[in-house]
Amino acid sequence: MKDFFRTMFGIRKKRAGLRASGAPQAGASIVRNGIKITLTQACDRDLWDWLLLSGWRVNPVSNDRRHYASPPETAVMQLLNARTEERTEAHARVLRSAR
């Protein structure tokens, strides 16, 4: 019933974006625009700063019920191991391959 009235009167609040945080450890989940990656290795600071600028954030919710697309593990590993000049191309590959 509350949902109906909130929709009817337009009093919905848009959720705030996730905050920037420190570099995630292995096993952490990072999200961006409906895509979720679970890290198999820790990010170094330089890579994490680049990912933050690209819009990735650590997902702080342990029991997140939202539905995310996930890229294949090989594409994620290529992004994590890419050199600085290859990151943009590897990042585009991850975004394309998310299903």
PDB file of N, CA and C in Angstrom:
ATOM      1  N   MET A   1       0.821  -1.179   0.000  1.00  0.00           N
ATOM      2  CA  MET A   1       0.000   0.000   0.000  1.00  0.00           C
ATOM      3  C   MET A   1       0.876   1.257   0.000  1.00  0.00           C
ATOM      4  N   LYS A   2       1.933   1.238   0.841  1.00  0.00           N
ATOM      5  CA  LYS A   2       2.846   2.383   0.873  1.00  0.00           C
ATOM      6  C   LYS A   2       3.473   2.603  -0.498  1.00  0.00           C
ATOM      7  N   ASP A   3       3.828   1.507  -1.144  1.00  0.00           N
ATOM      8  CA  ASP A   3       4.442   1.581  -2.465  1.00  0.00           C
ATOM      9  C   ASP A   3       3.512   2.281  -3.447  1.00  0.00           C
ATOM     10  N   PHE A   4       2.231   1.949  -3.401  1.00  0.00           N
ATOM     11  CA  PHE A   4       1.246   2.561  -4.297  1.00  0.00           C
ATOM     12  C   PHE A   4       1.180   4.075  -4.085  1.00  0.00           C
ATOM     13  N   PHE A   5       1.097   4.499  -2.824  1.00  0.00           N
ATOM     14  CA  PHE A   5       0.993   5.936  -2.539  1.00  0.00           C
ATOM     15  C   PHE A   5       2.276   6.686  -2.897  1.00  0.00           C
ATOM     16  N   ARG A   6       3.403   6.075  -2.650  1.00  0.00           N
ATOM     17  CA  ARG A   6       4.666   6.722  -3.017  1.00  0.00           C
ATOM     18  C   ARG A   6       4.752   6.913  -4.526  1.00  0.00           C
ATOM     19  N   THR A   7       4.319   5.912  -5.263  1.00  0.00           N
ATOM     20  CA  THR A   7       4.329   6.024  -6.717  1.00  0.00           C
ATOM     21  C   THR A   7       3.306   7.054  -7.189  1.00  0.00           C
ATOM     22  N   MET A   8       2.114   7.017  -6.619  1.00  0.00           N
ATOM     23  CA  MET A   8       1.041   7.898  -7.042  1.00  0.00           C
ATOM     24  C   MET A   8       1.374   9.378  -6.810  1.00  0.00           C
ATOM     25  N   PHE A   9       1.964   9.680  -5.662  1.00  0.00           N
ATOM     26  CA  PHE A   9       2.277  11.068  -5.335  1.00  0.00           C
ATOM     27  C   PHE A   9       3.682  11.486  -5.761  1.00  0.00           C
ATOM     28  N   GLY A  10       4.423  10.557  -6.332  1.00  0.00           N
ATOM     29  CA  GLY A  10       5.757  10.888  -6.836  1.00  0.00           C
ATOM     30  C   GLY A  10       6.750  11.266  -5.754  1.00  0.00           C
ATOM     31  N   ILE A  11       6.691  10.588  -4.618  1.00  0.00           N
ATOM     32  CA  ILE A  11       7.609  10.932  -3.524  1.00  0.00           C
ATOM     33  C   ILE A  11       8.741   9.914  -3.401  1.00  0.00           C
ATOM     34  N   ARG A  12       9.054   9.273  -4.493  1.00  0.00           N
ATOM     35  CA  ARG A  12      10.179   8.345  -4.501  1.00  0.00           C
ATOM     36  C   ARG A  12      11.479   9.121  -4.422  1.00  0.00           C
ATOM     37  N   LYS A  13      12.462   8.550  -3.782  1.00  0.00           N
ATOM     38  CA  LYS A  13      13.785   9.162  -3.707  1.00  0.00           C
ATOM     39  C   LYS A  13      14.765   8.316  -4.496  1.00  0.00           C
ATOM     40  N   LYS A  14      15.545   8.969  -5.314  1.00  0.00           N
ATOM     41  CA  LYS A  14      16.566   8.267  -6.077  1.00  0.00           C
ATOM     42  C   LYS A  14      17.699   7.894  -5.120  1.00  0.00           C
ATOM     43  N   ARG A  15      18.168   6.670  -5.243  1.00  0.00           N
ATOM     44  CA  ARG A  15      19.262   6.226  -4.380  1.00  0.00           C
ATOM     45  C   ARG A  15      20.544   6.959  -4.727  1.00  0.00           C
ATOM     46  N   ALA A  16      21.299   7.263  -3.713  1.00  0.00           N
ATOM     47  CA  ALA A  16      22.601   7.907  -3.931  1.00  0.00           C
ATOM     48  C   ALA A  16      23.580   6.870  -4.470  1.00  0.00           C
ATOM     49  N   GLY A  17      24.549   7.326  -5.226  1.00  0.00           N
ATOM     50  CA  GLY A  17      25.570   6.431  -5.749  1.00  0.00           C
ATOM     51  C   GLY A  17      26.480   5.929  -4.641  1.00  0.00           C
ATOM     52  N   LEU A  18      27.180   4.865  -4.931  1.00  0.00           N
ATOM     53  CA  LEU A  18      28.112   4.324  -3.949  1.00  0.00           C
ATOM     54  C   LEU A  18      29.311   5.246  -3.804  1.00  0.00           C
ATOM     55  N   ARG A  19      29.846   5.322  -2.621  1.00  0.00           N
ATOM     56  CA  ARG A  19      30.994   6.175  -2.353  1.00  0.00           C
ATOM     57  C   ARG A  19      32.290   5.526  -2.802  1.00  0.00           C
ATOM     58  N   ALA A  20      33.255   6.367  -3.086  1.00  0.00           N
ATOM     59  CA  ALA A  20      34.591   5.873  -3.409  1.00  0.00           C
ATOM     60  C   ALA A  20      35.218   5.336  -2.123  1.00  0.00           C
ATOM     61  N   SER A  21      35.989   4.282  -2.245  1.00  0.00           N
ATOM     62  CA  SER A  21      36.611   3.672  -1.076  1.00  0.00           C
ATOM     63  C   SER A  21      38.042   3.281  -1.414  1.00  0.00           C
ATOM     64  N   GLY A  22      38.694   2.675  -0.445  1.00  0.00           N
ATOM     65  CA  GLY A  22      40.056   2.206  -0.664  1.00  0.00           C
ATOM     66  C   GLY A  22      40.090   1.024  -1.608  1.00  0.00           C
ATOM     67  N   ALA A  23      41.280   0.639  -2.003  1.00  0.00           N
ATOM     68  CA  ALA A  23      41.448  -0.473  -2.941  1.00  0.00           C
ATOM     69  C   ALA A  23      40.875  -1.759  -2.334  1.00  0.00           C
ATOM     70  N   PRO A  24      40.061  -2.489  -3.097  1.00  0.00           N
ATOM     71  CA  PRO A  24      39.447  -3.712  -2.571  1.00  0.00           C
ATOM     72  C   PRO A  24      40.430  -4.873  -2.507  1.00  0.00           C
ATOM     73  N   GLN A  25      40.156  -5.779  -1.607  1.00  0.00           N
ATOM     74  CA  GLN A  25      40.953  -6.987  -1.459  1.00  0.00           C
ATOM     75  C   GLN A  25      40.379  -8.089  -2.352  1.00  0.00           C
ATOM     76  N   ALA A  26      41.079  -9.188  -2.440  1.00  0.00           N
ATOM     77  CA  ALA A  26      40.593 -10.333  -3.214  1.00  0.00           C
ATOM     78  C   ALA A  26      39.295 -10.837  -2.601  1.00  0.00           C
ATOM     79  N   GLY A  27      38.341 -11.179  -3.453  1.00  0.00           N
ATOM     80  CA  GLY A  27      37.046 -11.659  -2.988  1.00  0.00           C
ATOM     81  C   GLY A  27      35.989 -10.567  -2.895  1.00  0.00           C
ATOM     82  N   ALA A  28      36.390  -9.304  -2.999  1.00  0.00           N
ATOM     83  CA  ALA A  28      35.427  -8.197  -2.949  1.00  0.00           C
ATOM     84  C   ALA A  28      34.691  -8.082  -4.275  1.00  0.00           C
ATOM     85  N   SER A  29      33.508  -7.526  -4.221  1.00  0.00           N
ATOM     86  CA  SER A  29      32.716  -7.303  -5.429  1.00  0.00           C
ATOM     87  C   SER A  29      32.725  -5.824  -5.769  1.00  0.00           C
ATOM     88  N   ILE A  30      32.925  -5.525  -7.047  1.00  0.00           N
ATOM     89  CA  ILE A  30      32.841  -4.146  -7.505  1.00  0.00           C
ATOM     90  C   ILE A  30      31.735  -4.076  -8.550  1.00  0.00           C
ATOM     91  N   VAL A  31      31.027  -2.944  -8.591  1.00  0.00           N
ATOM     92  CA  VAL A  31      29.880  -2.798  -9.473  1.00  0.00           C
ATOM     93  C   VAL A  31      29.962  -1.501 -10.263  1.00  0.00           C
ATOM     94  N   ARG A  32      29.311  -1.539 -11.436  1.00  0.00           N
ATOM     95  CA  ARG A  32      29.200  -0.350 -12.288  1.00  0.00           C
ATOM     96  C   ARG A  32      28.067  -0.581 -13.275  1.00  0.00           C
ATOM     97  N   ASN A  33      27.047   0.267 -13.227  1.00  0.00           N
ATOM     98  CA  ASN A  33      25.950   0.249 -14.201  1.00  0.00           C
ATOM     99  C   ASN A  33      25.396  -1.148 -14.491  1.00  0.00           C
ATOM    100  N   GLY A  34      25.063  -1.897 -13.464  1.00  0.00           N
ATOM    101  CA  GLY A  34      24.455  -3.207 -13.673  1.00  0.00           C
ATOM    102  C   GLY A  34      25.416  -4.333 -13.963  1.00  0.00           C
ATOM    103  N   ILE A  35      26.711  -4.074 -13.845  1.00  0.00           N
ATOM    104  CA  ILE A  35      27.723  -5.113 -14.059  1.00  0.00           C
ATOM    105  C   ILE A  35      28.460  -5.323 -12.739  1.00  0.00           C
ATOM    106  N   LYS A  36      28.658  -6.568 -12.378  1.00  0.00           N
ATOM    107  CA  LYS A  36      29.309  -6.900 -11.114  1.00  0.00           C
ATOM    108  C   LYS A  36      30.494  -7.817 -11.372  1.00  0.00           C
ATOM    109  N   ILE A  37      31.617  -7.473 -10.759  1.00  0.00           N
ATOM    110  CA  ILE A  37      32.830  -8.280 -10.872  1.00  0.00           C
ATOM    111  C   ILE A  37      33.256  -8.686  -9.470  1.00  0.00           C
ATOM    112  N   THR A  38      33.516  -9.964  -9.275  1.00  0.00           N
ATOM    113  CA  THR A  38      34.103 -10.442  -8.030  1.00  0.00           C
ATOM    114  C   THR A  38      35.591 -10.617  -8.285  1.00  0.00           C
ATOM    115  N   LEU A  39      36.405  -9.901  -7.534  1.00  0.00           N
ATOM    116  CA  LEU A  39      37.851  -9.900  -7.763  1.00  0.00           C
ATOM    117  C   LEU A  39      38.480 -11.177  -7.229  1.00  0.00           C
ATOM    118  N   THR A  40      39.325 -11.792  -8.031  1.00  0.00           N
ATOM    119  CA  THR A  40      40.034 -12.996  -7.597  1.00  0.00           C
ATOM    120  C   THR A  40      41.407 -12.650  -7.030  1.00  0.00           C
ATOM    121  N   GLN A  41      41.843 -11.422  -7.279  1.00  0.00           N
ATOM    122  CA  GLN A  41      43.112 -10.948  -6.713  1.00  0.00           C
ATOM    123  C   GLN A  41      42.931  -9.493  -6.316  1.00  0.00           C
ATOM    124  N   ALA A  42      43.752  -9.032  -5.416  1.00  0.00           N
ATOM    125  CA  ALA A  42      43.654  -7.645  -4.952  1.00  0.00           C
ATOM    126  C   ALA A  42      44.113  -6.685  -6.048  1.00  0.00           C
ATOM    127  N   CYS A  43      43.495  -5.514  -6.097  1.00  0.00           N
ATOM    128  CA  CYS A  43      43.881  -4.474  -7.060  1.00  0.00           C
ATOM    129  C   CYS A  43      45.022  -3.651  -6.467  1.00  0.00           C
ATOM    130  N   ASP A  44      45.967  -3.272  -7.315  1.00  0.00           N
ATOM    131  CA  ASP A  44      46.967  -2.332  -6.834  1.00  0.00           C
ATOM    132  C   ASP A  44      46.349  -0.931  -6.862  1.00  0.00           C
ATOM    133  N   ARG A  45      46.969  -0.004  -6.192  1.00  0.00           N
ATOM    134  CA  ARG A  45      46.404   1.336  -6.018  1.00  0.00           C
ATOM    135  C   ARG A  45      46.219   2.058  -7.360  1.00  0.00           C
ATOM    136  N   ASP A  46      47.165   1.921  -8.260  1.00  0.00           N
ATOM    137  CA  ASP A  46      47.081   2.594  -9.554  1.00  0.00           C
ATOM    138  C   ASP A  46      45.887   2.087 -10.363  1.00  0.00           C
ATOM    139  N   LEU A  47      45.694   0.777 -10.413  1.00  0.00           N
ATOM    140  CA  LEU A  47      44.561   0.196 -11.128  1.00  0.00           C
ATOM    141  C   LEU A  47      43.253   0.610 -10.470  1.00  0.00           C
ATOM    142  N   TRP A  48      43.197   0.600  -9.142  1.00  0.00           N
ATOM    143  CA  TRP A  48      41.962   0.959  -8.460  1.00  0.00           C
ATOM    144  C   TRP A  48      41.605   2.432  -8.702  1.00  0.00           C
ATOM    145  N   ASP A  49      42.582   3.313  -8.707  1.00  0.00           N
ATOM    146  CA  ASP A  49      42.297   4.722  -9.021  1.00  0.00           C
ATOM    147  C   ASP A  49      41.726   4.853 -10.430  1.00  0.00           C
ATOM    148  N   TRP A  50      42.260   4.093 -11.376  1.00  0.00           N
ATOM    149  CA  TRP A  50      41.756   4.117 -12.747  1.00  0.00           C
ATOM    150  C   TRP A  50      40.325   3.584 -12.803  1.00  0.00           C
ATOM    151  N   LEU A  51      40.055   2.494 -12.073  1.00  0.00           N
ATOM    152  CA  LEU A  51      38.707   1.933 -12.047  1.00  0.00           C
ATOM    153  C   LEU A  51      37.716   2.896 -11.390  1.00  0.00           C
ATOM    154  N   LEU A  52      38.137   3.600 -10.341  1.00  0.00           N
ATOM    155  CA  LEU A  52      37.269   4.594  -9.715  1.00  0.00           C
ATOM    156  C   LEU A  52      36.886   5.685 -10.702  1.00  0.00           C
ATOM    157  N   LEU A  53      37.852   6.153 -11.467  1.00  0.00           N
ATOM    158  CA  LEU A  53      37.565   7.174 -12.467  1.00  0.00           C
ATOM    159  C   LEU A  53      36.661   6.646 -13.571  1.00  0.00           C
ATOM    160  N   SER A  54      36.664   5.339 -13.792  1.00  0.00           N
ATOM    161  CA  SER A  54      35.797   4.719 -14.788  1.00  0.00           C
ATOM    162  C   SER A  54      34.408   4.428 -14.245  1.00  0.00           C
ATOM    163  N   GLY A  55      34.176   4.694 -12.967  1.00  0.00           N
ATOM    164  CA  GLY A  55      32.845   4.521 -12.387  1.00  0.00           C
ATOM    165  C   GLY A  55      32.636   3.283 -11.547  1.00  0.00           C
ATOM    166  N   TRP A  56      33.652   2.470 -11.321  1.00  0.00           N
ATOM    167  CA  TRP A  56      33.514   1.265 -10.509  1.00  0.00           C
ATOM    168  C   TRP A  56      33.558   1.628  -9.036  1.00  0.00           C
ATOM    169  N   ARG A  57      32.767   0.937  -8.227  1.00  0.00           N
ATOM    170  CA  ARG A  57      32.733   1.135  -6.783  1.00  0.00           C
ATOM    171  C   ARG A  57      32.653  -0.222  -6.100  1.00  0.00           C
ATOM    172  N   VAL A  58      33.151  -0.289  -4.860  1.00  0.00           N
ATOM    173  CA  VAL A  58      33.037  -1.512  -4.070  1.00  0.00           C
ATOM    174  C   VAL A  58      31.590  -1.637  -3.621  1.00  0.00           C
ATOM    175  N   ASN A  59      31.018  -2.823  -3.767  1.00  0.00           N
ATOM    176  CA  ASN A  59      29.653  -3.075  -3.328  1.00  0.00           C
ATOM    177  C   ASN A  59      29.689  -3.411  -1.842  1.00  0.00           C
ATOM    178  N   PRO A  60      29.194  -2.513  -0.972  1.00  0.00           N
ATOM    179  CA  PRO A  60      29.297  -2.754   0.458  1.00  0.00           C
ATOM    180  C   PRO A  60      28.226  -3.690   1.016  1.00  0.00           C
ATOM    181  N   VAL A  61      27.246  -4.051   0.209  1.00  0.00           N
ATOM    182  CA  VAL A  61      26.136  -4.878   0.672  1.00  0.00           C
ATOM    183  C   VAL A  61      26.504  -6.348   0.522  1.00  0.00           C
ATOM    184  N   SER A  62      26.488  -7.084   1.616  1.00  0.00           N
ATOM    185  CA  SER A  62      26.885  -8.489   1.544  1.00  0.00           C
ATOM    186  C   SER A  62      25.781  -9.359   0.943  1.00  0.00           C
ATOM    187  N   ASN A  63      24.528  -9.022   1.198  1.00  0.00           N
ATOM    188  CA  ASN A  63      23.411  -9.807   0.675  1.00  0.00           C
ATOM    189  C   ASN A  63      22.634  -8.946  -0.325  1.00  0.00           C
ATOM    190  N   ASP A  64      23.267  -8.600  -1.413  1.00  0.00           N
ATOM    191  CA  ASP A  64      22.671  -7.736  -2.420  1.00  0.00           C
ATOM    192  C   ASP A  64      21.755  -8.557  -3.315  1.00  0.00           C
ATOM    193  N   ARG A  65      20.472  -8.205  -3.381  1.00  0.00           N
ATOM    194  CA  ARG A  65      19.505  -8.982  -4.158  1.00  0.00           C
ATOM    195  C   ARG A  65      19.294  -8.416  -5.554  1.00  0.00           C
ATOM    196  N   ARG A  66      20.007  -7.384  -5.907  1.00  0.00           N
ATOM    197  CA  ARG A  66      19.871  -6.839  -7.257  1.00  0.00           C
ATOM    198  C   ARG A  66      20.486  -7.810  -8.258  1.00  0.00           C
ATOM    199  N   HIS A  67      20.012  -7.719  -9.477  1.00  0.00           N
ATOM    200  CA  HIS A  67      20.515  -8.598 -10.538  1.00  0.00           C
ATOM    201  C   HIS A  67      21.568  -7.855 -11.343  1.00  0.00           C
ATOM    202  N   TYR A  68      22.717  -8.470 -11.479  1.00  0.00           N
ATOM    203  CA  TYR A  68      23.829  -7.885 -12.211  1.00  0.00           C
ATOM    204  C   TYR A  68      24.256  -8.828 -13.329  1.00  0.00           C
ATOM    205  N   ALA A  69      24.814  -8.244 -14.365  1.00  0.00           N
ATOM    206  CA  ALA A  69      25.464  -9.033 -15.409  1.00  0.00           C
ATOM    207  C   ALA A  69      26.912  -9.248 -14.971  1.00  0.00           C
ATOM    208  N   SER A  70      27.485 -10.386 -15.317  1.00  0.00           N
ATOM    209  CA  SER A  70      28.883 -10.618 -14.966  1.00  0.00           C
ATOM    210  C   SER A  70      29.684 -11.044 -16.174  1.00  0.00           C
ATOM    211  N   PRO A  71      30.833 -10.414 -16.351  1.00  0.00           N
ATOM    212  CA  PRO A  71      31.701 -10.781 -17.469  1.00  0.00           C
ATOM    213  C   PRO A  71      32.432 -12.091 -17.175  1.00  0.00           C
ATOM    214  N   PRO A  72      32.955 -12.755 -18.203  1.00  0.00           N
ATOM    215  CA  PRO A  72      33.714 -13.986 -17.969  1.00  0.00           C
ATOM    216  C   PRO A  72      35.014 -13.710 -17.195  1.00  0.00           C
ATOM    217  N   GLU A  73      35.435 -14.703 -16.485  1.00  0.00           N
ATOM    218  CA  GLU A  73      36.633 -14.586 -15.641  1.00  0.00           C
ATOM    219  C   GLU A  73      37.878 -14.218 -16.446  1.00  0.00           C
ATOM    220  N   THR A  74      37.991 -14.729 -17.664  1.00  0.00           N
ATOM    221  CA  THR A  74      39.180 -14.439 -18.476  1.00  0.00           C
ATOM    222  C   THR A  74      39.269 -12.959 -18.824  1.00  0.00           C
ATOM    223  N   ALA A  75      38.114 -12.325 -19.121  1.00  0.00           N
ATOM    224  CA  ALA A  75      38.118 -10.894 -19.439  1.00  0.00           C
ATOM    225  C   ALA A  75      38.505 -10.067 -18.223  1.00  0.00           C
ATOM    226  N   VAL A  76      38.040 -10.476 -17.056  1.00  0.00           N
ATOM    227  CA  VAL A  76      38.378  -9.760 -15.817  1.00  0.00           C
ATOM    228  C   VAL A  76      39.868  -9.884 -15.529  1.00  0.00           C
ATOM    229  N   MET A  77      40.409 -11.081 -15.695  1.00  0.00           N
ATOM    230  CA  MET A  77      41.838 -11.278 -15.440  1.00  0.00           C
ATOM    231  C   MET A  77      42.680 -10.466 -16.422  1.00  0.00           C
ATOM    232  N   GLN A  78      42.242 -10.356 -17.667  1.00  0.00           N
ATOM    233  CA  GLN A  78      42.967  -9.536 -18.636  1.00  0.00           C
ATOM    234  C   GLN A  78      42.967  -8.067 -18.211  1.00  0.00           C
ATOM    235  N   LEU A  79      41.844  -7.601 -17.668  1.00  0.00           N
ATOM    236  CA  LEU A  79      41.784  -6.218 -17.177  1.00  0.00           C
ATOM    237  C   LEU A  79      42.698  -6.020 -15.981  1.00  0.00           C
ATOM    238  N   LEU A  80      42.680  -6.954 -15.046  1.00  0.00           N
ATOM    239  CA  LEU A  80      43.503  -6.814 -13.840  1.00  0.00           C
ATOM    240  C   LEU A  80      44.996  -6.900 -14.145  1.00  0.00           C
ATOM    241  N   ASN A  81      45.360  -7.637 -15.181  1.00  0.00           N
ATOM    242  CA  ASN A  81      46.772  -7.810 -15.514  1.00  0.00           C
ATOM    243  C   ASN A  81      47.246  -6.910 -16.650  1.00  0.00           C
ATOM    244  N   ALA A  82      46.362  -6.063 -17.169  1.00  0.00           N
ATOM    245  CA  ALA A  82      46.710  -5.205 -18.316  1.00  0.00           C
ATOM    246  C   ALA A  82      47.681  -4.104 -17.893  1.00  0.00           C
ATOM    247  N   ARG A  83      48.553  -3.740 -18.827  1.00  0.00           N
ATOM    248  CA  ARG A  83      49.434  -2.605 -18.599  1.00  0.00           C
ATOM    249  C   ARG A  83      48.614  -1.326 -18.696  1.00  0.00           C
ATOM    250  N   THR A  84      49.178  -0.234 -18.238  1.00  0.00           N
ATOM    251  CA  THR A  84      48.460   1.042 -18.199  1.00  0.00           C
ATOM    252  C   THR A  84      47.917   1.442 -19.556  1.00  0.00           C
ATOM    253  N   GLU A  85      48.707   1.280 -20.598  1.00  0.00           N
ATOM    254  CA  GLU A  85      48.259   1.700 -21.929  1.00  0.00           C
ATOM    255  C   GLU A  85      47.230   0.741 -22.543  1.00  0.00           C
ATOM    256  N   GLU A  86      47.067  -0.449 -21.985  1.00  0.00           N
ATOM    257  CA  GLU A  86      46.117  -1.427 -22.517  1.00  0.00           C
ATOM    258  C   GLU A  86      44.804  -1.478 -21.733  1.00  0.00           C
ATOM    259  N   ARG A  87      44.694  -0.691 -20.667  1.00  0.00           N
ATOM    260  CA  ARG A  87      43.524  -0.791 -19.785  1.00  0.00           C
ATOM    261  C   ARG A  87      42.222  -0.402 -20.462  1.00  0.00           C
ATOM    262  N   THR A  88      42.236   0.636 -21.258  1.00  0.00           N
ATOM    263  CA  THR A  88      41.000   1.096 -21.896  1.00  0.00           C
ATOM    264  C   THR A  88      40.415   0.018 -22.795  1.00  0.00           C
ATOM    265  N   GLU A  89      41.273  -0.629 -23.559  1.00  0.00           N
ATOM    266  CA  GLU A  89      40.826  -1.700 -24.447  1.00  0.00           C
ATOM    267  C   GLU A  89      40.322  -2.902 -23.644  1.00  0.00           C
ATOM    268  N   ALA A  90      41.036  -3.277 -22.588  1.00  0.00           N
ATOM    269  CA  ALA A  90      40.621  -4.412 -21.748  1.00  0.00           C
ATOM    270  C   ALA A  90      39.312  -4.093 -21.033  1.00  0.00           C
ATOM    271  N   HIS A  91      39.154  -2.846 -20.600  1.00  0.00           N
ATOM    272  CA  HIS A  91      37.926  -2.423 -19.923  1.00  0.00           C
ATOM    273  C   HIS A  91      36.738  -2.507 -20.884  1.00  0.00           C
ATOM    274  N   ALA A  92      36.916  -2.057 -22.115  1.00  0.00           N
ATOM    275  CA  ALA A  92      35.850  -2.135 -23.116  1.00  0.00           C
ATOM    276  C   ALA A  92      35.469  -3.595 -23.386  1.00  0.00           C
ATOM    277  N   ARG A  93      36.455  -4.479 -23.377  1.00  0.00           N
ATOM    278  CA  ARG A  93      36.200  -5.907 -23.578  1.00  0.00           C
ATOM    279  C   ARG A  93      35.356  -6.481 -22.440  1.00  0.00           C
ATOM    280  N   VAL A  94      35.664  -6.056 -21.212  1.00  0.00           N
ATOM    281  CA  VAL A  94      34.892  -6.518 -20.048  1.00  0.00           C
ATOM    282  C   VAL A  94      33.449  -6.052 -20.157  1.00  0.00           C
ATOM    283  N   LEU A  95      33.242  -4.799 -20.508  1.00  0.00           N
ATOM    284  CA  LEU A  95      31.890  -4.265 -20.615  1.00  0.00           C
ATOM    285  C   LEU A  95      31.097  -4.944 -21.732  1.00  0.00           C
ATOM    286  N   ARG A  96      31.743  -5.227 -22.857  1.00  0.00           N
ATOM    287  CA  ARG A  96      31.074  -5.896 -23.978  1.00  0.00           C
ATOM    288  C   ARG A  96      30.700  -7.335 -23.646  1.00  0.00           C
ATOM    289  N   SER A  97      31.560  -8.005 -22.901  1.00  0.00           N
ATOM    290  CA  SER A  97      31.368  -9.433 -22.676  1.00  0.00           C
ATOM    291  C   SER A  97      30.463  -9.738 -21.469  1.00  0.00           C
ATOM    292  N   ALA A  98      30.035  -8.720 -20.731  1.00  0.00           N
ATOM    293  CA  ALA A  98      29.166  -8.961 -19.569  1.00  0.00           C
ATOM    294  C   ALA A  98      27.826  -9.505 -20.048  1.00  0.00           C
ATOM    295  N   ARG A  99      27.387 -10.540 -19.390  1.00  0.00           N
ATOM    296  CA  ARG A  99      26.094 -11.127 -19.760  1.00  0.00           C
ATOM    297  C   ARG A  99      25.210 -11.256 -18.564  1.00  0.00           C
TER     298      ARG A  99
END
